[in-house]
Protein backbone atom coordinates (compact mmCIF):
# COMPACT_ATOMS: atom_id res chain seq x y z
CA MET A 1 3.81 0.41 10.21
CA VAL A 2 7.09 0.13 7.93
CA LYS A 3 8.81 3.09 6.80
CA VAL A 4 11.12 4.46 3.81
CA GLY A 5 12.81 7.76 4.90
CA SER A 6 10.03 9.35 7.18
CA LYS A 7 6.97 8.07 5.36
CA ILE A 8 5.14 5.09 6.01
CA PHE A 9 4.59 2.80 3.15
CA ALA A 10 2.90 -0.35 4.84
CA PHE A 11 0.95 -1.09 7.89
CA LEU A 12 1.83 -4.58 9.24
CA GLY A 13 0.04 -4.23 12.85
CA ASN A 14 -2.06 -7.35 12.24
CA ALA A 15 -1.30 -11.08 10.99
CA GLU A 16 -4.33 -11.16 8.88
CA ARG A 17 -3.98 -7.70 7.03
CA VAL A 18 -1.69 -5.36 5.51
CA GLY A 19 -2.25 -1.82 4.72
CA VAL A 20 -0.57 -0.04 1.60
CA LYS A 21 -0.99 2.68 -0.76
CA CYS A 22 -2.70 1.30 -3.62
CA GLY A 23 -2.28 4.17 -6.29
CA LYS A 24 -2.11 7.74 -6.40
CA ASP A 25 -5.52 8.69 -5.72
CA ARG A 26 -9.00 6.76 -4.35
CA GLN A 27 -10.17 6.05 -7.68
CA ILE A 28 -7.18 3.86 -8.73
CA ALA A 29 -7.28 2.25 -5.41
CA ASP A 30 -10.92 1.59 -5.90
CA GLU A 31 -9.84 -1.04 -8.39
CA TRP A 32 -8.79 -3.45 -5.67
CA LEU A 33 -12.17 -3.06 -3.84
CA LEU A 34 -14.03 -4.10 -7.38
CA ARG A 35 -11.62 -6.99 -7.90
CA TYR A 36 -11.68 -8.24 -4.21
CA PRO A 37 -14.55 -6.95 -2.45
CA ASP A 38 -14.60 -9.43 0.26
CA ASP A 39 -10.60 -9.09 1.02
CA ALA A 40 -10.11 -5.53 0.36
CA ALA A 41 -11.44 -2.36 2.23
CA ALA A 42 -10.51 1.40 2.22
CA SER A 43 -8.14 2.15 5.00
CA ALA A 44 -10.03 4.07 7.80
CA TYR A 45 -8.83 7.68 7.96
CA ILE A 46 -6.39 7.45 5.25
CA GLY A 47 -8.46 5.56 2.70
CA ARG A 48 -9.20 8.80 0.88
CA TYR A 49 -5.64 9.26 -0.07
CA GLY A 50 -5.56 5.78 -1.92
CA TRP A 51 -4.82 3.43 1.09
CA ASN A 52 -6.39 -0.01 1.32
CA THR A 53 -6.29 -2.67 3.94
CA LEU A 54 -5.75 -6.07 1.99
CA ALA A 55 -6.47 -9.55 3.41
CA LEU A 56 -3.62 -12.20 3.75
CA ASN A 57 -4.04 -15.72 3.08
CA ALA A 58 -7.56 -14.93 1.30
CA LYS A 59 -8.58 -14.61 -2.18
CA ILE A 60 -5.94 -12.00 -3.07
CA PRO A 61 -3.06 -14.20 -4.74
CA GLY A 62 0.23 -13.66 -3.13
CA ASP A 63 1.95 -12.31 -5.98
CA GLU A 64 -0.36 -9.40 -6.25
CA LEU A 65 0.23 -8.49 -2.61
CA PHE A 66 3.76 -8.53 -2.92
CA GLU A 67 3.54 -6.16 -5.97
CA ALA A 68 0.95 -3.97 -3.98
CA VAL A 69 3.52 -3.68 -1.08
CA ASP A 70 6.15 -3.25 -4.00
CA ALA A 71 4.19 -0.49 -5.68
CA SER A 72 3.39 1.20 -2.27
CA TYR A 73 7.11 1.43 -1.57
CA ASP A 74 7.87 2.93 -4.84
CA ASP A 75 5.40 5.30 -4.58
CA VAL A 76 6.42 6.71 -1.42
CA VAL A 77 9.80 6.72 -2.26
CA ALA A 78 9.11 8.88 -5.38
CA ARG A 79 7.47 11.41 -3.18
CA LEU A 80 10.48 11.51 -0.83
CA PRO A 81 12.86 14.44 -0.75
CA ARG A 82 16.22 13.41 -2.47
CA LYS A 83 18.27 13.36 0.63
CA GLU A 84 15.87 10.87 2.42
CA ARG A 85 15.74 8.63 -0.52
CA PRO A 86 17.56 5.15 -0.13
CA ALA A 87 20.82 4.82 -2.26
CA GLY A 88 20.70 4.24 -5.59
CA GLN A 89 17.15 5.40 -5.85
CA THR A 90 16.54 8.68 -7.54
């Protein structure tokens, strides 16, 4: 797992998949499932909160995977108390 402050923004325990927050709610995260039905799945236990597991080296373009990780980071940072945010991020 990868954290910013005290919050997780990505799960990297598997070389074939990455778990990221794909939106503020399940409805937004479901767009990934519709676009990539074979390579995206709602994450176990936390999927209802907008977390998806995305396959690496599959049909999801690399730039979209990077954007998903960046967006997950940005979403988590925005919810952190100011004292836990990285320097320069308000």
